[in-house]
Amino acid sequence: MSILNVENLTFEFGDKTILKNISFRLLKGEHAGLVGVNGAGKTTFLNILTGRLIPDTGTVYRPSLINIGYLDQHQELDGSLTIKNTLQSAFAKLYEIDKRILDIGNLLSSSANSDTEKLLKELGRLQDYLYSSDFYKIDSLIENVSRGLGIYALGLDTPIEKLSGGQRTKIKLAKLLLENPDLLLLDEPTNYLDKEHVDWLSTYLSSYPDSFIVISHDTDFLNKITNVIYHIEFAGLKRYPGNYETFLKLKDEETKKYFDEYNKQQEQISKLQDFISKNLVRASTTKRAQSRRKQLEKIERLEKPKVMPKPAFSFMFSRESGRFVFESSKLNIGYSYPILNNLNLSLTKGEKIAITGCNGIGKSTLLKTIMGVIPPLSGKVELGEYLNPIYFEQESKVSSNTAMEEIWSEFPSKTQREIREALARCGLKQEHILQKMSSLSGGEQSKVRLCRLMMTAGNWLLLDEPTNHLDINAKEALKEALVKFNGTVLLVCHEEDFYKSFVSDIWNMEELALNM
């Protein structure tokens, strides 16, 4: 039984075709991964499924009784509410029923009421519904999901307005899971989760009784939770049974087979064309040449295989820094109150350090304090000599510029061609370069920001979650660039598979917090 049907769907943005003639059927109980490179149209597809975007042609069939829950990264939360209030809103319908039960109780206590039998029947029916819906377990359900996603440690009485963007995304995810919809649509749900919380979410989704579609570039996560993969490439969509690892194998076999068939056909065409050109004008062979021409005309030609451009990141090295890069003494960091106290850290030239720890523990705050973006609450930060730091901020305000304007405004001496070539090296196509930043996907925006870093020479990279939103090819290219970089690296990252092969040390902020 299918719970979603899409037939002959096409969606265009300006003069660009995002999705073309797509047909799609999601079966009940399917745990689907939606994959593709940055900008392939994955988020656009989810927005079409929810009705937020209308396709140019084609139809989307959604059963009227299906409850769809969508993790929208851009959804605003009410800042005046606490975390607990926000999570409780997932059960708004049940709270309304509970209020109705209280109202019925008040009505029954009134001697003037003549509808006692009718009210008692309604009361029984509503109470049965609350019991079957686990209404009286709401607090334990909220605590379970909050602990699983690392929200409980923030304090459930904390106002939403005090949370970071990443923390708010976790609240949205928790609320969505508590709503328990028939169909879950999740767009990059692991971006702001630590490993233990990703593991919890993996277990939760693996046993999810209904259907979901997940967009993620975390291959280990996809392998654990999916039983089918939908791949968007060159505006088309194709279904592959199995998890992500199985998809890669099937896709690789399919690609090799197509290349072999195409090359064989091209060889056949070349031989026919050569025979025709040599023999058509000769009286003795013209009939055979004409026969070959008819044979050539009947060939149903395969389309030339398309190759997706892969990014190639590289960071310019400016000069050697001094041996001593950074040192802190009794450093207390935070904003209005200390997040971490008494940090005594040191970094020497050429070291590549991964900074790990749970969200909210102070990883980003540490980088900002080192960079001088925010002052330390107390203690001392010393920087070495001849440093040319380059800083990638985790959350950056999106401008109204195009990708081209975004880079050109910072490097006005560069030619238009140089800017285009730099953006193309980062895996951005012509249409991306001329699009406004706000209309680009999260991964495409990250590539533009990385391009800016690549055009500045430095000897010290400070990168705060640079892999968020990046597709698998882009992550591999970024890892290669960091391995080749001759300078010093401080990297905040929650993906162990990304950094474990090249870092020289790991600063675990949770261990540092315990030793304070």
Protein backbone atom coordinates (compact mmCIF):
# COMPACT_ATOMS: atom_id res chain seq x y z
CA MET A 1 0.00 0.00 0.00
CA SER A 2 1.39 3.40 -0.96
CA ILE A 3 0.96 6.48 1.19
CA LEU A 4 2.37 8.96 -1.34
CA ASN A 5 2.11 8.97 -5.13
CA VAL A 6 3.85 11.36 -7.49
CA GLU A 7 3.23 11.19 -11.23
CA ASN A 8 5.16 12.95 -14.02
CA LEU A 9 6.29 15.81 -11.79
CA THR A 10 8.35 18.69 -13.20
CA PHE A 11 9.52 21.75 -11.26
CA GLU A 12 11.47 24.68 -12.68
CA PHE A 13 13.09 27.64 -10.97
CA GLY A 14 13.62 30.50 -13.39
CA ASP A 15 15.19 28.94 -16.47
CA LYS A 16 16.59 25.99 -14.50
CA THR A 17 14.84 22.61 -14.41
CA ILE A 18 15.21 21.24 -10.87
CA LEU A 19 13.08 18.10 -11.26
CA LYS A 20 11.93 16.63 -14.56
CA ASN A 21 9.17 14.10 -15.21
CA ILE A 22 9.55 12.37 -11.85
CA SER A 23 7.26 9.54 -10.78
CA PHE A 24 7.53 8.31 -7.21
CA ARG A 25 5.62 5.95 -4.92
CA LEU A 26 6.35 5.65 -1.20
CA LEU A 27 5.10 2.45 0.36
CA LYS A 28 3.73 2.12 3.87
CA GLY A 29 6.55 1.26 6.26
CA GLU A 30 9.34 2.33 3.89
CA HIS A 31 12.30 3.96 5.61
CA ALA A 32 13.69 5.99 2.74
CA GLY A 33 16.86 8.00 2.31
CA LEU A 34 16.75 10.85 -0.23
CA VAL A 35 20.26 11.48 -1.55
CA GLY A 36 22.02 13.57 -4.16
CA VAL A 37 24.69 16.26 -4.40
CA ASN A 38 24.16 19.74 -2.97
CA GLY A 39 21.60 21.62 -5.08
CA ALA A 40 20.18 18.47 -6.70
CA GLY A 41 16.66 19.40 -5.54
CA LYS A 42 16.18 17.24 -2.43
CA THR A 43 14.70 19.94 -0.17
CA THR A 44 12.64 21.25 -3.09
CA PHE A 45 11.19 17.76 -3.53
CA LEU A 46 10.18 17.56 0.15
CA ASN A 47 8.56 20.99 -0.08
CA ILE A 48 6.53 19.76 -3.06
CA LEU A 49 5.45 16.65 -1.14
CA THR A 50 4.16 18.84 1.72
CA GLY A 51 2.38 21.24 -0.64
CA ARG A 52 4.62 24.20 0.20
CA LEU A 53 5.70 24.34 -3.44
CA ILE A 54 3.48 23.68 -6.45
CA PRO A 55 5.01 21.71 -9.36
CA ASP A 56 4.83 23.14 -12.87
CA THR A 57 3.38 19.87 -14.13
CA GLY A 58 2.44 16.53 -12.60
CA THR A 59 0.43 15.50 -9.58
CA VAL A 60 1.06 14.61 -5.93
CA TYR A 61 -1.48 12.32 -4.27
CA ARG A 62 -1.59 12.52 -0.47
CA PRO A 63 -4.35 10.56 1.32
CA SER A 64 -6.45 13.04 3.29
CA LEU A 65 -6.09 11.08 6.54
CA ILE A 66 -2.29 10.91 6.37
CA ASN A 67 -0.56 13.08 8.99
CA ILE A 68 2.72 14.43 7.57
CA GLY A 69 5.41 15.85 9.85
CA TYR A 70 8.20 17.94 8.28
CA LEU A 71 11.45 19.08 9.92
CA ASP A 72 11.79 22.57 8.47
CA GLN A 73 15.16 24.14 9.31
CA HIS A 74 13.70 27.62 8.69
CA GLN A 75 10.57 27.26 10.85
CA GLU A 76 10.36 29.88 13.58
CA LEU A 77 9.66 28.91 17.19
CA ASP A 78 7.89 31.13 19.74
CA GLY A 79 10.80 32.60 21.72
CA SER A 80 8.62 33.40 24.72
CA LEU A 81 7.84 29.73 25.37
CA THR A 82 10.07 27.39 27.36
CA ILE A 83 11.49 24.19 25.89
CA LYS A 84 8.91 22.16 27.84
CA ASN A 85 6.01 24.35 26.66
CA THR A 86 7.16 23.93 23.07
CA LEU A 87 7.44 20.16 23.36
CA GLN A 88 4.08 19.93 25.11
CA SER A 89 2.52 21.67 22.10
CA ALA A 90 3.08 18.40 20.20
CA PHE A 91 0.15 17.08 22.24
CA ALA A 92 -2.11 20.14 21.77
CA LYS A 93 -5.05 18.01 20.65
CA LEU A 94 -4.83 15.81 23.75
CA TYR A 95 -4.67 18.81 26.06
CA GLU A 96 -7.81 20.18 24.39
CA ILE A 97 -9.56 16.86 25.04
CA ASP A 98 -8.40 16.96 28.67
CA LYS A 99 -9.89 20.45 28.99
CA ARG A 100 -13.14 19.20 27.49
CA ILE A 101 -13.22 16.42 30.11
CA LEU A 102 -12.90 19.03 32.87
CA ASP A 103 -15.69 21.05 31.27
CA ILE A 104 -17.91 17.96 31.16
CA GLY A 105 -17.17 17.35 34.84
CA ASN A 106 -18.30 20.88 35.64
CA LEU A 107 -21.47 20.39 33.58
CA LEU A 108 -22.27 17.10 35.31
CA SER A 109 -21.93 18.74 38.71
CA SER A 110 -24.64 21.20 37.72
CA SER A 111 -28.07 19.96 38.85
CA ALA A 112 -29.70 21.99 36.11
CA ASN A 113 -28.08 19.87 33.37
CA SER A 114 -30.53 17.64 31.50
CA ASP A 115 -27.99 15.93 29.16
CA THR A 116 -26.35 13.70 31.77
CA GLU A 117 -26.49 10.47 29.77
CA LYS A 118 -25.11 12.11 26.63
CA LEU A 119 -22.31 13.80 28.59
CA LEU A 120 -21.36 10.56 30.35
CA LYS A 121 -21.01 8.77 27.01
CA GLU A 122 -18.81 11.57 25.67
CA LEU A 123 -16.77 11.55 28.87
CA GLY A 124 -16.12 7.82 28.59
CA ARG A 125 -15.17 8.05 24.95
CA LEU A 126 -12.74 10.95 25.55
CA GLN A 127 -11.13 9.27 28.56
CA ASP A 128 -10.59 6.07 26.56
CA TYR A 129 -8.95 8.14 23.81
CA LEU A 130 -6.57 9.82 26.26
CA TYR A 131 -5.54 6.47 27.75
CA SER A 132 -4.95 4.91 24.34
CA SER A 133 -2.93 7.99 23.29
CA ASP A 134 -0.60 7.77 26.35
CA PHE A 135 -1.76 11.20 27.55
CA TYR A 136 -0.81 10.39 31.13
CA LYS A 137 2.72 9.48 30.01
CA ILE A 138 3.42 12.79 28.25
CA ASP A 139 6.01 13.97 30.80
CA SER A 140 7.99 10.71 30.54
CA LEU A 141 7.75 10.77 26.71
CA ILE A 142 9.10 14.33 26.66
CA GLU A 143 11.92 13.40 29.04
CA ASN A 144 12.87 10.34 26.97
CA VAL A 145 13.12 12.24 23.67
CA SER A 146 14.78 15.23 25.38
CA ARG A 147 17.49 13.04 26.87
CA GLY A 148 17.93 11.14 23.61
CA LEU A 149 18.56 14.32 21.61
CA GLY A 150 20.63 16.10 24.28
CA ILE A 151 17.94 18.68 25.08
CA TYR A 152 17.33 17.71 28.71
CA ALA A 153 20.74 19.08 29.75
CA LEU A 154 19.72 22.55 28.51
CA GLY A 155 16.97 22.68 31.15
CA LEU A 156 13.37 22.21 30.07
CA ASP A 157 12.42 25.52 31.69
CA THR A 158 14.85 27.44 29.47
CA PRO A 159 13.12 29.98 27.17
CA ILE A 160 13.46 29.28 23.44
CA GLU A 161 14.79 32.83 22.90
CA LYS A 162 17.99 31.91 24.79
CA LEU A 163 18.84 29.00 22.50
CA SER A 164 21.23 28.96 19.54
CA GLY A 165 20.06 28.12 16.03
CA GLY A 166 21.38 24.57 16.34
CA GLN A 167 19.66 24.04 19.68
CA ARG A 168 16.36 25.31 18.25
CA THR A 169 16.65 22.79 15.41
CA LYS A 170 16.96 20.01 18.00
CA ILE A 171 13.78 21.29 19.69
CA LYS A 172 11.94 21.18 16.34
CA LEU A 173 13.11 17.61 15.77
CA ALA A 174 12.07 16.53 19.28
CA LYS A 175 8.61 18.10 18.87
CA LEU A 176 8.17 16.36 15.52
CA LEU A 177 9.09 12.95 16.95
CA LEU A 178 6.66 13.46 19.82
CA GLU A 179 3.88 14.22 17.33
CA ASN A 180 4.46 10.72 15.89
CA PRO A 181 3.16 11.44 12.35
CA ASP A 182 2.22 8.78 9.77
CA LEU A 183 4.96 10.14 7.51
CA LEU A 184 8.14 11.83 8.72
CA LEU A 185 10.05 14.12 6.35
CA LEU A 186 13.44 14.97 7.85
CA ASP A 187 15.91 17.37 6.20
CA GLU A 188 19.43 16.90 7.62
CA PRO A 189 18.28 15.88 11.13
CA THR A 190 21.81 15.04 12.36
CA ASN A 191 23.45 18.39 11.59
CA TYR A 192 23.42 19.63 15.18
CA LEU A 193 23.54 16.31 16.99
CA ASP A 194 26.48 14.75 18.81
CA LYS A 195 27.45 11.15 18.09
CA GLU A 196 25.55 9.70 21.06
CA HIS A 197 22.42 11.59 20.01
CA VAL A 198 22.80 10.48 16.39
CA ASP A 199 23.04 6.91 17.69
CA TRP A 200 19.83 7.42 19.71
CA LEU A 201 18.03 8.86 16.67
CA SER A 202 19.27 5.95 14.54
CA THR A 203 17.76 3.46 16.98
CA TYR A 204 14.52 5.45 17.22
CA LEU A 205 14.05 5.67 13.44
CA SER A 206 15.08 2.07 12.79
CA SER A 207 12.11 0.93 14.86
CA TYR A 208 9.74 3.64 13.63
CA PRO A 209 6.47 1.84 12.80
CA ASP A 210 5.43 4.14 9.97
CA SER A 211 7.18 5.68 6.96
CA PHE A 212 9.82 8.37 6.66
CA ILE A 213 11.99 10.12 4.10
CA VAL A 214 15.33 11.43 5.36
CA ILE A 215 17.75 13.76 3.60
CA SER A 216 21.23 13.21 5.03
CA HIS A 217 24.87 13.22 3.96
CA ASP A 218 25.82 11.08 6.97
CA THR A 219 26.39 7.72 5.30
CA ASP A 220 26.74 5.72 8.54
CA PHE A 221 23.41 7.14 9.75
CA LEU A 222 21.70 6.28 6.44
CA ASN A 223 23.06 2.75 6.51
CA LYS A 224 21.51 2.15 9.92
CA ILE A 225 18.02 3.52 9.27
CA THR A 226 17.07 2.98 5.60
CA ASN A 227 15.63 0.10 3.61
CA VAL A 228 15.34 2.04 0.34
CA ILE A 229 17.26 4.91 -1.26
CA TYR A 230 15.85 7.49 -3.68
CA HIS A 231 18.58 9.20 -5.67
CA ILE A 232 18.11 12.59 -7.37
CA GLU A 233 20.58 13.23 -10.17
CA PHE A 234 20.39 15.43 -13.28
CA ALA A 235 16.77 16.38 -12.40
CA GLY A 236 15.66 12.72 -12.35
CA LEU A 237 14.83 10.36 -9.50
CA LYS A 238 15.52 6.65 -9.21
CA ARG A 239 14.68 4.05 -6.55
CA TYR A 240 17.25 1.59 -5.15
CA PRO A 241 16.25 -1.14 -2.64
CA GLY A 242 18.42 -1.51 0.45
CA ASN A 243 20.50 0.89 2.55
CA TYR A 244 23.08 3.46 1.40
CA GLU A 245 25.92 0.96 1.08
CA THR A 246 23.77 -1.21 -1.17
CA PHE A 247 22.80 1.85 -3.20
CA LEU A 248 26.45 2.74 -3.82
CA LYS A 249 27.17 -0.77 -5.08
CA LEU A 250 24.10 -0.87 -7.35
CA LYS A 251 24.76 2.65 -8.65
CA ASP A 252 28.38 1.85 -9.41
CA GLU A 253 27.42 -1.33 -11.30
CA GLU A 254 24.72 0.56 -13.19
CA THR A 255 27.11 3.37 -14.15
CA LYS A 256 29.83 0.98 -15.35
CA LYS A 257 27.30 -0.99 -17.40
CA TYR A 258 25.97 2.18 -19.05
CA PHE A 259 29.48 3.44 -19.86
CA ASP A 260 30.34 0.04 -21.41
CA GLU A 261 27.15 0.05 -23.51
CA TYR A 262 27.73 3.65 -24.60
CA ASN A 263 31.35 3.03 -25.57
CA LYS A 264 30.42 -0.13 -27.51
CA GLN A 265 27.71 1.76 -29.37
CA GLN A 266 30.08 4.62 -30.17
CA GLU A 267 32.59 2.13 -31.52
CA GLN A 268 29.88 0.53 -33.67
CA ILE A 269 28.74 3.94 -34.97
CA SER A 270 32.31 4.94 -35.76
CA LYS A 271 32.92 1.74 -37.76
CA LEU A 272 29.68 2.18 -39.74
CA GLN A 273 30.44 5.83 -40.47
CA ASP A 274 33.96 4.94 -41.58
CA PHE A 275 32.70 2.18 -43.90
CA ILE A 276 30.03 4.47 -45.41
CA SER A 277 32.47 7.33 -46.08
CA LYS A 278 34.96 4.99 -47.77
CA ASN A 279 32.52 2.93 -49.86
CA LEU A 280 29.52 5.11 -50.73
CA VAL A 281 31.08 6.63 -53.86
CA ARG A 282 32.41 3.33 -55.27
CA ALA A 283 30.06 1.62 -57.69
CA SER A 284 31.10 -1.83 -56.50
CA THR A 285 30.39 -1.13 -52.82
CA THR A 286 27.72 1.58 -52.87
CA LYS A 287 24.86 -0.85 -52.15
CA ARG A 288 26.63 -2.20 -49.10
CA ALA A 289 27.36 1.36 -47.96
CA GLN A 290 23.70 2.32 -48.37
CA SER A 291 22.71 -0.76 -46.37
CA ARG A 292 25.13 0.31 -43.61
CA ARG A 293 23.61 3.81 -43.70
CA LYS A 294 20.13 2.39 -43.09
CA GLN A 295 21.57 0.30 -40.29
CA LEU A 296 23.17 3.43 -38.79
CA GLU A 297 19.90 5.38 -38.98
CA LYS A 298 18.04 2.64 -37.08
CA ILE A 299 20.38 2.76 -34.09
CA GLU A 300 18.65 4.22 -31.02
CA ARG A 301 21.51 6.31 -29.74
CA LEU A 302 22.36 6.32 -26.06
CA GLU A 303 22.76 9.70 -24.43
CA LYS A 304 26.33 10.62 -23.59
CA PRO A 305 26.98 9.78 -19.92
CA LYS A 306 26.80 12.83 -17.68
CA VAL A 307 29.45 13.34 -15.04
CA MET A 308 28.66 15.38 -11.95
CA PRO A 309 31.40 17.98 -11.32
CA LYS A 310 33.29 17.30 -8.10
CA PRO A 311 34.60 20.12 -5.90
CA ALA A 312 38.32 20.57 -5.42
CA PHE A 313 39.09 22.62 -2.33
CA SER A 314 42.55 23.95 -1.53
CA PHE A 315 43.74 26.51 1.01
CA MET A 316 46.56 28.93 0.17
CA PHE A 317 49.47 28.89 2.60
CA SER A 318 50.82 32.35 3.40
CA ARG A 319 54.04 31.87 5.37
CA GLU A 320 55.47 30.00 8.33
CA SER A 321 54.12 31.11 11.69
CA GLY A 322 56.12 31.06 14.90
CA ARG A 323 56.37 27.72 16.68
CA PHE A 324 53.93 28.91 19.34
CA VAL A 325 50.43 29.51 17.91
CA PHE A 326 48.03 29.80 20.83
CA GLU A 327 48.04 29.38 24.59
CA SER A 328 45.42 29.98 27.24
CA SER A 329 45.87 30.34 30.97
CA LYS A 330 43.01 29.94 33.49
CA LEU A 331 40.65 30.92 30.70
CA ASN A 332 36.93 31.26 31.46
CA ILE A 333 34.71 31.49 28.38
CA GLY A 334 31.05 32.29 27.86
CA TYR A 335 28.70 35.23 27.52
CA SER A 336 26.83 36.37 30.62
CA TYR A 337 28.13 33.40 32.63
CA PRO A 338 31.03 30.90 32.19
CA ILE A 339 30.40 27.86 29.99
CA LEU A 340 33.88 26.46 30.59
CA ASN A 341 36.35 27.47 33.30
CA ASN A 342 40.08 27.27 33.87
CA LEU A 343 41.07 26.22 30.34
CA ASN A 344 44.82 25.74 29.96
CA LEU A 345 45.34 24.89 26.32
CA SER A 346 48.29 25.21 23.94
CA LEU A 347 48.70 24.81 20.19
CA THR A 348 51.94 24.62 18.23
CA LYS A 349 52.69 25.15 14.55
CA GLY A 350 51.53 22.37 12.23
CA GLU A 351 49.20 20.67 14.70
CA LYS A 352 45.77 19.63 13.43
CA ILE A 353 43.32 19.42 16.32
CA ALA A 354 39.69 18.26 16.37
CA ILE A 355 37.53 19.90 19.05
CA THR A 356 34.71 17.59 20.15
CA GLY A 357 31.98 17.50 22.77
CA CYS A 358 28.24 17.81 23.14
CA ASN A 359 26.33 20.74 21.71
CA GLY A 360 26.25 23.80 23.94
CA ILE A 361 29.39 22.86 25.87
CA GLY A 362 31.40 25.75 24.38
CA LYS A 363 33.21 24.57 21.24
CA SER A 364 32.10 27.51 19.06
CA THR A 365 32.53 29.89 22.00
CA LEU A 366 36.15 28.75 22.36
CA LEU A 367 36.92 29.49 18.69
CA LYS A 368 35.24 32.91 18.93
CA THR A 369 37.21 33.71 22.09
CA ILE A 370 40.50 32.71 20.45
CA MET A 371 39.64 34.83 17.40
CA GLY A 372 38.72 37.82 19.57
CA VAL A 373 35.10 37.81 18.34
CA ILE A 374 34.01 37.71 21.99
CA PRO A 375 36.20 38.60 25.00
CA PRO A 376 37.13 36.04 27.65
CA LEU A 377 35.24 36.37 30.93
CA SER A 378 38.57 36.01 32.74
CA GLY A 379 41.98 34.50 32.22
CA LYS A 380 44.38 35.05 29.38
CA VAL A 381 44.68 34.20 25.67
CA GLU A 382 48.07 34.58 24.02
CA LEU A 383 48.62 34.34 20.28
CA GLY A 384 51.95 33.65 18.61
CA GLU A 385 53.80 35.64 15.95
CA TYR A 386 53.27 35.84 12.19
CA LEU A 387 49.79 34.33 12.33
CA ASN A 388 47.38 34.66 9.43
CA PRO A 389 44.20 33.02 10.77
CA ILE A 390 41.26 32.05 8.53
CA TYR A 391 37.95 31.50 10.32
CA PHE A 392 34.87 29.55 9.15
CA GLU A 393 31.87 30.37 11.34
CA GLN A 394 29.22 27.68 11.90
CA GLU A 395 26.23 29.99 11.54
CA SER A 396 26.47 32.88 9.12
CA LYS A 397 23.85 35.43 8.12
CA VAL A 398 22.72 34.93 4.52
CA SER A 399 23.05 38.05 2.37
CA SER A 400 20.92 39.16 -0.58
CA ASN A 401 23.94 38.97 -2.93
CA THR A 402 24.42 36.42 -5.65
CA ALA A 403 27.23 33.91 -5.12
CA MET A 404 29.32 35.90 -7.61
CA GLU A 405 28.67 39.21 -5.81
CA GLU A 406 29.36 37.60 -2.43
CA ILE A 407 32.94 36.77 -3.43
CA TRP A 408 33.57 39.75 -5.69
CA SER A 409 32.60 42.23 -2.95
CA GLU A 410 35.50 40.92 -0.84
CA PHE A 411 37.99 40.55 -3.70
CA PRO A 412 37.21 43.48 -6.05
CA SER A 413 40.63 43.29 -7.69
CA LYS A 414 39.85 39.83 -9.09
CA THR A 415 38.42 39.51 -12.59
CA GLN A 416 34.97 38.07 -13.22
CA ARG A 417 36.60 35.05 -14.80
CA GLU A 418 38.77 34.42 -11.73
CA ILE A 419 35.73 34.57 -9.44
CA ARG A 420 33.76 32.19 -11.68
CA GLU A 421 36.66 29.74 -11.83
CA ALA A 422 37.09 29.79 -8.05
CA LEU A 423 33.39 29.08 -7.47
CA ALA A 424 33.42 26.35 -10.13
CA ARG A 425 36.34 24.64 -8.36
CA CYS A 426 34.12 24.46 -5.27
CA GLY A 427 31.56 22.45 -7.25
CA LEU A 428 29.15 25.26 -8.13
CA LYS A 429 27.57 25.37 -11.57
CA GLN A 430 26.90 28.43 -13.71
CA GLU A 431 23.30 28.73 -12.49
CA HIS A 432 24.42 28.61 -8.83
CA ILE A 433 26.99 31.34 -9.36
CA LEU A 434 24.32 33.79 -10.54
CA GLN A 435 21.69 32.81 -7.93
CA LYS A 436 21.05 34.80 -4.77
CA MET A 437 22.60 33.26 -1.67
CA SER A 438 19.18 32.97 -0.03
CA SER A 439 17.93 30.71 -2.84
CA LEU A 440 20.91 28.32 -2.64
CA SER A 441 20.79 25.12 -0.61
CA GLY A 442 22.66 24.91 2.69
CA GLY A 443 25.44 22.92 1.03
CA GLU A 444 25.79 25.40 -1.82
CA GLN A 445 25.99 28.29 0.65
CA SER A 446 28.75 26.45 2.53
CA LYS A 447 30.67 25.99 -0.73
CA VAL A 448 30.50 29.74 -1.40
CA ARG A 449 31.79 30.45 2.11
CA LEU A 450 34.61 27.92 1.65
CA CYS A 451 35.46 29.57 -1.66
CA ARG A 452 35.95 32.85 0.21
CA LEU A 453 38.40 31.14 2.56
CA MET A 454 40.27 29.56 -0.33
CA MET A 455 40.99 32.98 -1.84
CA THR A 456 42.76 34.26 1.28
CA ALA A 457 46.25 33.05 2.13
CA GLY A 458 46.71 31.92 5.71
CA ASN A 459 48.65 29.63 8.01
CA TRP A 460 45.99 28.83 10.62
CA LEU A 461 42.52 27.44 9.83
CA LEU A 462 39.81 27.69 12.50
CA LEU A 463 36.79 25.78 11.16
CA ASP A 464 33.50 25.48 13.04
CA GLU A 465 31.43 22.52 11.74
CA PRO A 466 32.41 23.01 8.08
CA THR A 467 30.92 19.64 7.05
CA ASN A 468 27.34 20.63 7.97
CA HIS A 469 25.18 20.47 4.81
CA LEU A 470 28.07 19.31 2.56
CA ASP A 471 27.44 16.30 0.31
CA ILE A 472 29.74 13.28 0.40
CA ASN A 473 31.92 14.36 -2.53
CA ALA A 474 32.41 17.81 -0.99
CA LYS A 475 33.35 16.30 2.38
CA GLU A 476 35.98 14.10 0.74
CA ALA A 477 37.39 17.10 -1.14
CA LEU A 478 37.49 19.18 2.06
CA LYS A 479 39.24 16.40 3.97
CA GLU A 480 41.85 16.13 1.22
CA ALA A 481 42.43 19.90 1.35
CA LEU A 482 42.93 19.83 5.14
CA VAL A 483 45.38 16.92 4.86
CA LYS A 484 47.43 18.84 2.27
CA PHE A 485 47.34 22.18 4.13
CA ASN A 486 50.81 22.98 5.50
CA GLY A 487 49.60 25.16 8.35
CA THR A 488 47.82 24.66 11.67
CA VAL A 489 44.19 23.51 11.97
CA LEU A 490 41.61 23.84 14.76
CA LEU A 491 38.50 21.95 13.66
CA VAL A 492 35.14 21.74 15.45
CA CYS A 493 33.39 18.68 14.03
CA HIS A 494 30.88 16.06 15.19
CA GLU A 495 31.72 13.57 12.42
CA GLU A 496 34.48 11.29 13.67
CA ASP A 497 34.78 9.57 10.28
CA PHE A 498 35.71 12.91 8.76
CA TYR A 499 38.61 13.91 11.02
CA LYS A 500 39.97 10.75 12.69
CA SER A 501 42.42 9.87 9.90
CA PHE A 502 44.35 13.16 9.81
CA VAL A 503 44.19 15.02 13.16
CA SER A 504 47.19 14.92 15.49
CA ASP A 505 45.12 15.29 18.66
CA ILE A 506 41.54 15.66 19.94
CA TRP A 507 40.37 18.21 22.51
CA ASN A 508 37.32 16.65 24.12
CA MET A 509 35.53 19.58 25.78
CA GLU A 510 33.44 17.25 27.97
CA GLU A 511 36.60 15.80 29.51
CA LEU A 512 38.00 19.31 29.99
CA ALA A 513 34.77 20.35 31.71
CA LEU A 514 35.01 17.40 34.11
CA ASN A 515 38.59 18.37 35.02
CA MET A 516 37.71 21.98 35.82
